[in-house]
Every structure is written in C-alpha cells, then in structure tokens.
C-alpha cells in the first residue's frame, strides 16, 4: 500500500501537467502513487499521464474527478492537487507530511505563491494567505491546489459533495471540521500556483468573484447549481499558444 495517493483532476492539461509530474518525480519522499482523473481531454493529457506511470480514471468536474481518484486510492493519505501547480522544493512532500504528523492534522492545506514576479499577483495571493490563516480556526479554507486528508476521513465525510458546483473545495474541508476532524494550514512551504485564471478572467473580476462567493456562502451555504459564474475547467488553446 502506498502511503500517499496524489489525485489530480484534469482536462486538456498537456501544457501544465508534465511540469507537476516532473516535480513529483524529483521528490525525496517517494512512497506515493499518482492518480489522474481525466475529463475527456483531447490534447494528449492522458498519454502524458500514462508516460509518467500515473494511473488514469474517468473524471469530470473537479469534485467528481477527485472522488473518482479517491475511490481507487491505496494510500493512507490523499493529496488533491490541481494540474497547473508546481512544487517549490524536492523536499516538499517530505516536509508537508512531517508537519502534518507533528501537528496531528486530519486534513491540511498549504499557503500559495504565484508563478510570477508581478507585484499585484503576489499581493493578491498574500491577501488570500492572510485571510485563510485568519479564518483557519473558525471557517477553514483550502483550494483544490493542495488538500491533504486521511483517506478514512475522506470516506467518512462522503468525499466531495458533487452537487456543489462552485467552491466545492472549501465546502469539503469545512464539512470535515464540522465532523470533528483537525484542520490546519501548513507553514513549511507554499505550493506554487498558476496565474492563468487571473490572466484570462482579469484580476479585478476574480477578486470580486471570490469576495462575492465568500459572502454568499456564509449567508446561504454552498452553491448547488445556482452559481452566477461560468466555470471553465482546465487548459485551452490559449495555454498552448503561450507555450509556442
């Protein structure tokens, strides 16, 4: 049995996924399996995943894909990641797992750092980190870019709620905490996240969307088919063009 199962939902991630898989190959902690939950990619994502030795299962929207991967996970722990993140260190997994064990967490996330030197983007992500840490004990937040959870806890809370169509990742960890499990934000090192959504949708639009989403979730609960935003999962032709 692998100690850690890394589940990555994908859709047309041929540009970004190899970078993450290369990072994983270099990790000092090696007792893990990689599970790709693919939502009908047409750009070679599945072939790339297979070439790295990852197991591929049928996916869908992020919550659906994460549940599909977790269903066949063999690890004591599951790590959910987005396909467009990279790792800051070859010791990333080792350090995160050490902190999780030392802190006796059942579910955990980490801080974020953008893949850019743009000062606005850095400030945007630091603001998210500050808010997440400030609300860590009262209303936990964890993006799909990094969620560690014990496999038995994932199953006891019935995984991701597939009826939640927006911010399902925050709903997931909040339900875990409400069920009595210990959550924390890891301080050891941040995960490096893509800014492609900021570039595609605009910084101001994203900031307003996140603020509205948080307020709406507090007042009315999770989005279940009533979100006012269009959601586009995964990569697209623009990602490919920027790579050329």
Protein backbone atom coordinates (compact mmCIF):
# COMPACT_ATOMS: atom_id res chain seq x y z
CA UNK A 1 0.00 0.00 0.00
CA UNK A 2 1.35 3.42 -0.93
CA UNK A 3 1.42 5.83 1.99
CA UNK A 4 0.21 8.74 -0.16
CA UNK A 5 -2.16 8.88 -3.13
CA UNK A 6 -1.94 12.06 -5.21
CA UNK A 7 -5.18 12.76 -7.08
CA UNK A 8 -5.16 15.30 -9.92
CA UNK A 9 -8.31 16.16 -11.91
CA UNK A 10 -7.50 17.14 -15.49
CA UNK A 11 -8.99 18.41 -18.70
CA UNK A 12 -6.68 19.37 -21.57
CA UNK A 13 -3.64 19.89 -19.32
CA UNK A 14 -0.92 18.79 -21.75
CA UNK A 15 0.95 22.07 -21.18
CA UNK A 16 0.90 22.17 -17.40
CA UNK A 17 0.64 18.58 -16.18
CA UNK A 18 4.16 17.49 -17.23
CA UNK A 19 5.69 20.21 -15.06
CA UNK A 20 3.91 18.93 -11.97
CA UNK A 21 4.70 15.29 -12.76
CA UNK A 22 8.39 16.19 -13.21
CA UNK A 23 8.34 17.87 -9.80
CA UNK A 24 6.83 14.74 -8.27
CA UNK A 25 9.49 12.53 -9.86
CA UNK A 26 12.19 14.52 -8.04
CA UNK A 27 10.69 14.33 -4.56
CA UNK A 28 12.73 12.89 -1.70
CA UNK A 29 9.55 11.24 -0.40
CA UNK A 30 8.77 8.50 -2.89
CA UNK A 31 6.08 6.32 -1.27
CA UNK A 32 3.22 7.63 -3.37
CA UNK A 33 1.02 6.84 -6.35
CA UNK A 34 -0.35 9.35 -8.86
CA UNK A 35 -3.97 9.11 -9.98
CA UNK A 36 -5.22 11.27 -12.85
CA UNK A 37 -8.99 11.77 -13.09
CA UNK A 38 -9.42 12.98 -16.65
CA UNK A 39 -12.48 14.74 -18.05
CA UNK A 40 -12.26 13.68 -21.71
CA UNK A 41 -9.09 15.55 -22.67
CA UNK A 42 -8.35 15.79 -26.39
CA UNK A 43 -4.81 17.22 -26.22
CA UNK A 44 -2.75 14.21 -25.15
CA UNK A 45 -3.13 14.69 -21.39
CA UNK A 46 -3.97 11.02 -20.85
CA UNK A 47 -0.98 9.83 -22.87
CA UNK A 48 1.33 12.17 -20.96
CA UNK A 49 0.00 10.95 -17.62
CA UNK A 50 0.48 7.33 -18.64
CA UNK A 51 4.04 8.01 -19.82
CA UNK A 52 4.87 9.15 -16.29
CA UNK A 53 3.42 5.97 -14.81
CA UNK A 54 0.25 7.59 -13.47
CA UNK A 55 -2.98 5.66 -13.35
CA UNK A 56 -5.83 7.32 -15.26
CA UNK A 57 -9.50 7.10 -14.33
CA UNK A 58 -12.63 8.73 -15.74
CA UNK A 59 -13.13 12.20 -14.27
CA UNK A 60 -15.46 15.15 -14.68
CA UNK A 61 -15.79 18.46 -12.88
CA UNK A 62 -13.17 18.81 -10.12
CA UNK A 63 -15.27 17.39 -7.29
CA UNK A 64 -16.35 14.43 -9.40
CA UNK A 65 -12.80 13.79 -10.56
CA UNK A 66 -11.36 13.97 -7.06
CA UNK A 67 -13.93 11.49 -5.79
CA UNK A 68 -13.20 9.14 -8.70
CA UNK A 69 -9.48 9.19 -7.93
CA UNK A 70 -10.02 8.81 -4.19
CA UNK A 71 -12.26 5.81 -4.78
CA UNK A 72 -9.31 3.75 -6.02
CA UNK A 73 -6.65 5.39 -3.83
CA UNK A 74 -4.49 2.97 -1.85
CA UNK A 75 -2.65 5.47 0.32
CA UNK A 76 -3.25 6.13 3.99
CA UNK A 77 -3.28 9.79 2.97
CA UNK A 78 -4.69 11.50 -0.13
CA UNK A 79 -3.30 14.70 -1.61
CA UNK A 80 -5.58 16.55 -4.02
CA UNK A 81 -3.74 18.89 -6.39
CA UNK A 82 -4.55 20.96 -9.46
CA UNK A 83 -2.72 20.11 -12.67
CA UNK A 84 -1.23 23.58 -13.10
CA UNK A 85 0.72 23.80 -9.84
CA UNK A 86 4.41 23.14 -9.27
CA UNK A 87 6.36 22.33 -6.14
CA UNK A 88 8.91 24.69 -4.56
CA UNK A 89 11.32 22.05 -3.32
CA UNK A 90 12.34 18.45 -3.82
CA UNK A 91 11.51 18.01 -0.13
CA UNK A 92 8.00 19.43 -0.45
CA UNK A 93 6.09 16.20 0.21
CA UNK A 94 8.50 15.15 2.93
CA UNK A 95 8.21 18.46 4.79
CA UNK A 96 4.43 18.64 4.46
CA UNK A 97 3.89 15.12 5.75
CA UNK A 98 6.30 15.69 8.64
CA UNK A 99 4.38 18.81 9.68
CA UNK A 100 1.04 17.04 9.34
CA UNK A 101 2.18 14.22 11.62
CA UNK A 102 3.78 16.59 14.14
CA UNK A 103 0.63 18.75 14.26
CA UNK A 104 -1.72 15.76 14.34
CA UNK A 105 -3.84 17.11 11.49
CA UNK A 106 -6.52 15.02 9.79
CA UNK A 107 -6.86 17.44 6.88
CA UNK A 108 -4.50 20.21 5.83
CA UNK A 109 -3.62 22.67 3.12
CA UNK A 110 -0.71 24.99 2.45
CA UNK A 111 -0.09 28.60 1.58
CA UNK A 112 0.19 29.69 -2.05
CA UNK A 113 2.78 31.51 -4.11
CA UNK A 114 2.11 32.65 -7.69
CA UNK A 115 4.17 31.58 -10.70
CA UNK A 116 5.03 35.20 -11.49
CA UNK A 117 7.05 38.17 -10.33
CA UNK A 118 4.09 40.50 -10.89
CA UNK A 119 3.68 42.55 -7.69
CA UNK A 120 -0.12 42.71 -8.00
CA UNK A 121 -0.37 38.94 -8.31
CA UNK A 122 1.94 38.44 -5.34
CA UNK A 123 -0.13 40.84 -3.26
CA UNK A 124 -3.32 39.06 -4.34
CA UNK A 125 -2.00 35.70 -3.19
CA UNK A 126 -0.60 37.09 0.06
CA UNK A 127 -4.03 38.54 0.79
CA UNK A 128 -5.53 35.08 0.29
CA UNK A 129 -2.90 33.55 2.59
CA UNK A 130 -3.59 36.14 5.27
CA UNK A 131 -7.35 35.60 5.09
CA UNK A 132 -7.03 31.83 5.13
CA UNK A 133 -4.78 31.94 8.20
CA UNK A 134 -7.02 34.47 9.96
CA UNK A 135 -10.07 32.21 9.49
CA UNK A 136 -8.20 28.92 9.94
CA UNK A 137 -9.87 28.06 13.25
CA UNK A 138 -13.35 29.44 12.57
CA UNK A 139 -14.07 28.89 8.86
CA UNK A 140 -11.34 26.85 7.15
CA UNK A 141 -10.44 27.38 3.50
CA UNK A 142 -8.46 25.05 1.26
CA UNK A 143 -8.21 25.38 -2.51
CA UNK A 144 -8.03 22.37 -4.79
CA UNK A 145 -4.39 23.24 -5.46
CA UNK A 146 -3.45 21.42 -2.23
CA UNK A 147 -5.60 19.40 0.16
CA UNK A 148 -4.08 16.64 2.28
CA UNK A 149 -6.60 14.37 4.00
CA UNK A 150 -6.59 10.97 5.64
CA UNK A 151 -8.26 8.50 3.32
CA UNK A 152 -10.60 7.27 6.06
CA UNK A 153 -11.70 10.85 6.79
CA UNK A 154 -12.46 11.44 3.10
CA UNK A 155 -14.72 8.41 3.14
CA UNK A 156 -16.37 9.23 6.46
CA UNK A 157 -17.47 12.66 5.18
CA UNK A 158 -18.61 11.05 1.89
CA UNK A 159 -15.97 12.84 -0.18
CA UNK A 160 -16.65 15.99 -2.17
CA UNK A 161 -20.30 16.96 -2.48
CA UNK A 162 -20.84 16.57 -6.22
CA UNK A 163 -23.93 18.76 -6.06
CA UNK A 164 -21.75 21.72 -5.06
CA UNK A 165 -20.76 23.35 -8.31
CA UNK A 166 -18.52 26.19 -7.08
CA UNK A 167 -16.06 26.41 -4.16
CA UNK A 168 -16.58 22.70 -3.53
CA UNK A 169 -13.05 22.51 -2.11
CA UNK A 170 -13.80 24.97 0.73
CA UNK A 171 -17.09 23.19 1.44
CA UNK A 172 -15.15 19.90 1.65
CA UNK A 173 -12.75 20.97 4.39
CA UNK A 174 -15.47 22.86 6.26
CA UNK A 175 -17.57 19.69 6.41
CA UNK A 176 -14.53 17.77 7.68
CA UNK A 177 -14.06 20.26 10.52
CA UNK A 178 -17.77 20.21 11.37
CA UNK A 179 -17.44 16.42 11.65
CA UNK A 180 -14.80 16.88 14.33
CA UNK A 181 -11.57 16.44 12.36
CA UNK A 182 -8.48 18.56 12.94
CA UNK A 183 -7.56 21.02 10.17
CA UNK A 184 -4.54 23.22 9.70
CA UNK A 185 -2.62 25.35 7.20
CA UNK A 186 0.93 24.08 6.79
CA UNK A 187 3.62 26.67 7.38
CA UNK A 188 6.58 24.68 6.00
CA UNK A 189 6.38 25.78 2.37
CA UNK A 190 3.80 27.09 -0.12
CA UNK A 191 2.67 25.42 -3.31
CA UNK A 192 3.35 27.40 -6.48
CA UNK A 193 0.14 28.12 -8.37
CA UNK A 194 -0.59 29.25 -11.91
CA UNK A 195 -1.97 32.72 -12.60
CA UNK A 196 -3.63 31.69 -15.86
CA UNK A 197 -7.13 32.27 -14.49
CA UNK A 198 -6.16 35.77 -13.36
CA UNK A 199 -4.80 36.49 -16.83
CA UNK A 200 -7.83 35.02 -18.57
CA UNK A 201 -10.63 36.49 -16.42
CA UNK A 202 -8.92 39.62 -15.09
CA UNK A 203 -7.57 40.45 -11.62
CA UNK A 204 -10.45 42.69 -10.55
CA UNK A 205 -13.10 40.28 -11.82
CA UNK A 206 -11.51 37.39 -9.91
CA UNK A 207 -11.19 39.42 -6.70
CA UNK A 208 -14.85 40.46 -6.86
CA UNK A 209 -15.91 36.88 -7.66
CA UNK A 210 -14.06 35.50 -4.64
CA UNK A 211 -15.45 38.15 -2.30
CA UNK A 212 -18.99 37.54 -3.51
CA UNK A 213 -18.54 33.77 -3.26
CA UNK A 214 -17.35 34.01 0.34
CA UNK A 215 -20.18 36.33 1.39
CA UNK A 216 -22.80 34.25 -0.44
CA UNK A 217 -21.52 31.00 1.11
CA UNK A 218 -21.61 32.47 4.62
CA UNK A 219 -25.15 33.76 4.19
CA UNK A 220 -26.77 30.96 2.17
CA UNK A 221 -24.43 27.98 2.19
CA UNK A 222 -22.66 26.27 -0.73
CA UNK A 223 -23.54 26.77 -4.38
CA UNK A 224 -25.67 23.92 -5.67
CA UNK A 225 -26.45 24.67 -9.28
CA UNK A 226 -27.15 28.33 -8.60
CA UNK A 227 -23.75 29.93 -9.10
CA UNK A 228 -23.77 33.15 -11.18
CA UNK A 229 -20.42 32.38 -12.84
CA UNK A 230 -19.39 30.40 -15.86
CA UNK A 231 -16.73 27.86 -14.92
CA UNK A 232 -14.20 26.63 -17.48
CA UNK A 233 -12.14 23.69 -16.30
CA UNK A 234 -8.59 23.01 -17.37
CA UNK A 235 -6.45 24.23 -20.26
CA UNK A 236 -7.38 25.54 -23.68
CA UNK A 237 -5.85 26.68 -26.93
CA UNK A 238 -4.55 29.88 -25.32
CA UNK A 239 -2.36 27.83 -23.00
CA UNK A 240 -0.92 26.02 -26.00
CA UNK A 241 -0.28 29.24 -27.90
CA UNK A 242 1.56 30.83 -24.96
CA UNK A 243 3.81 27.80 -24.84
CA UNK A 244 4.85 28.10 -28.51
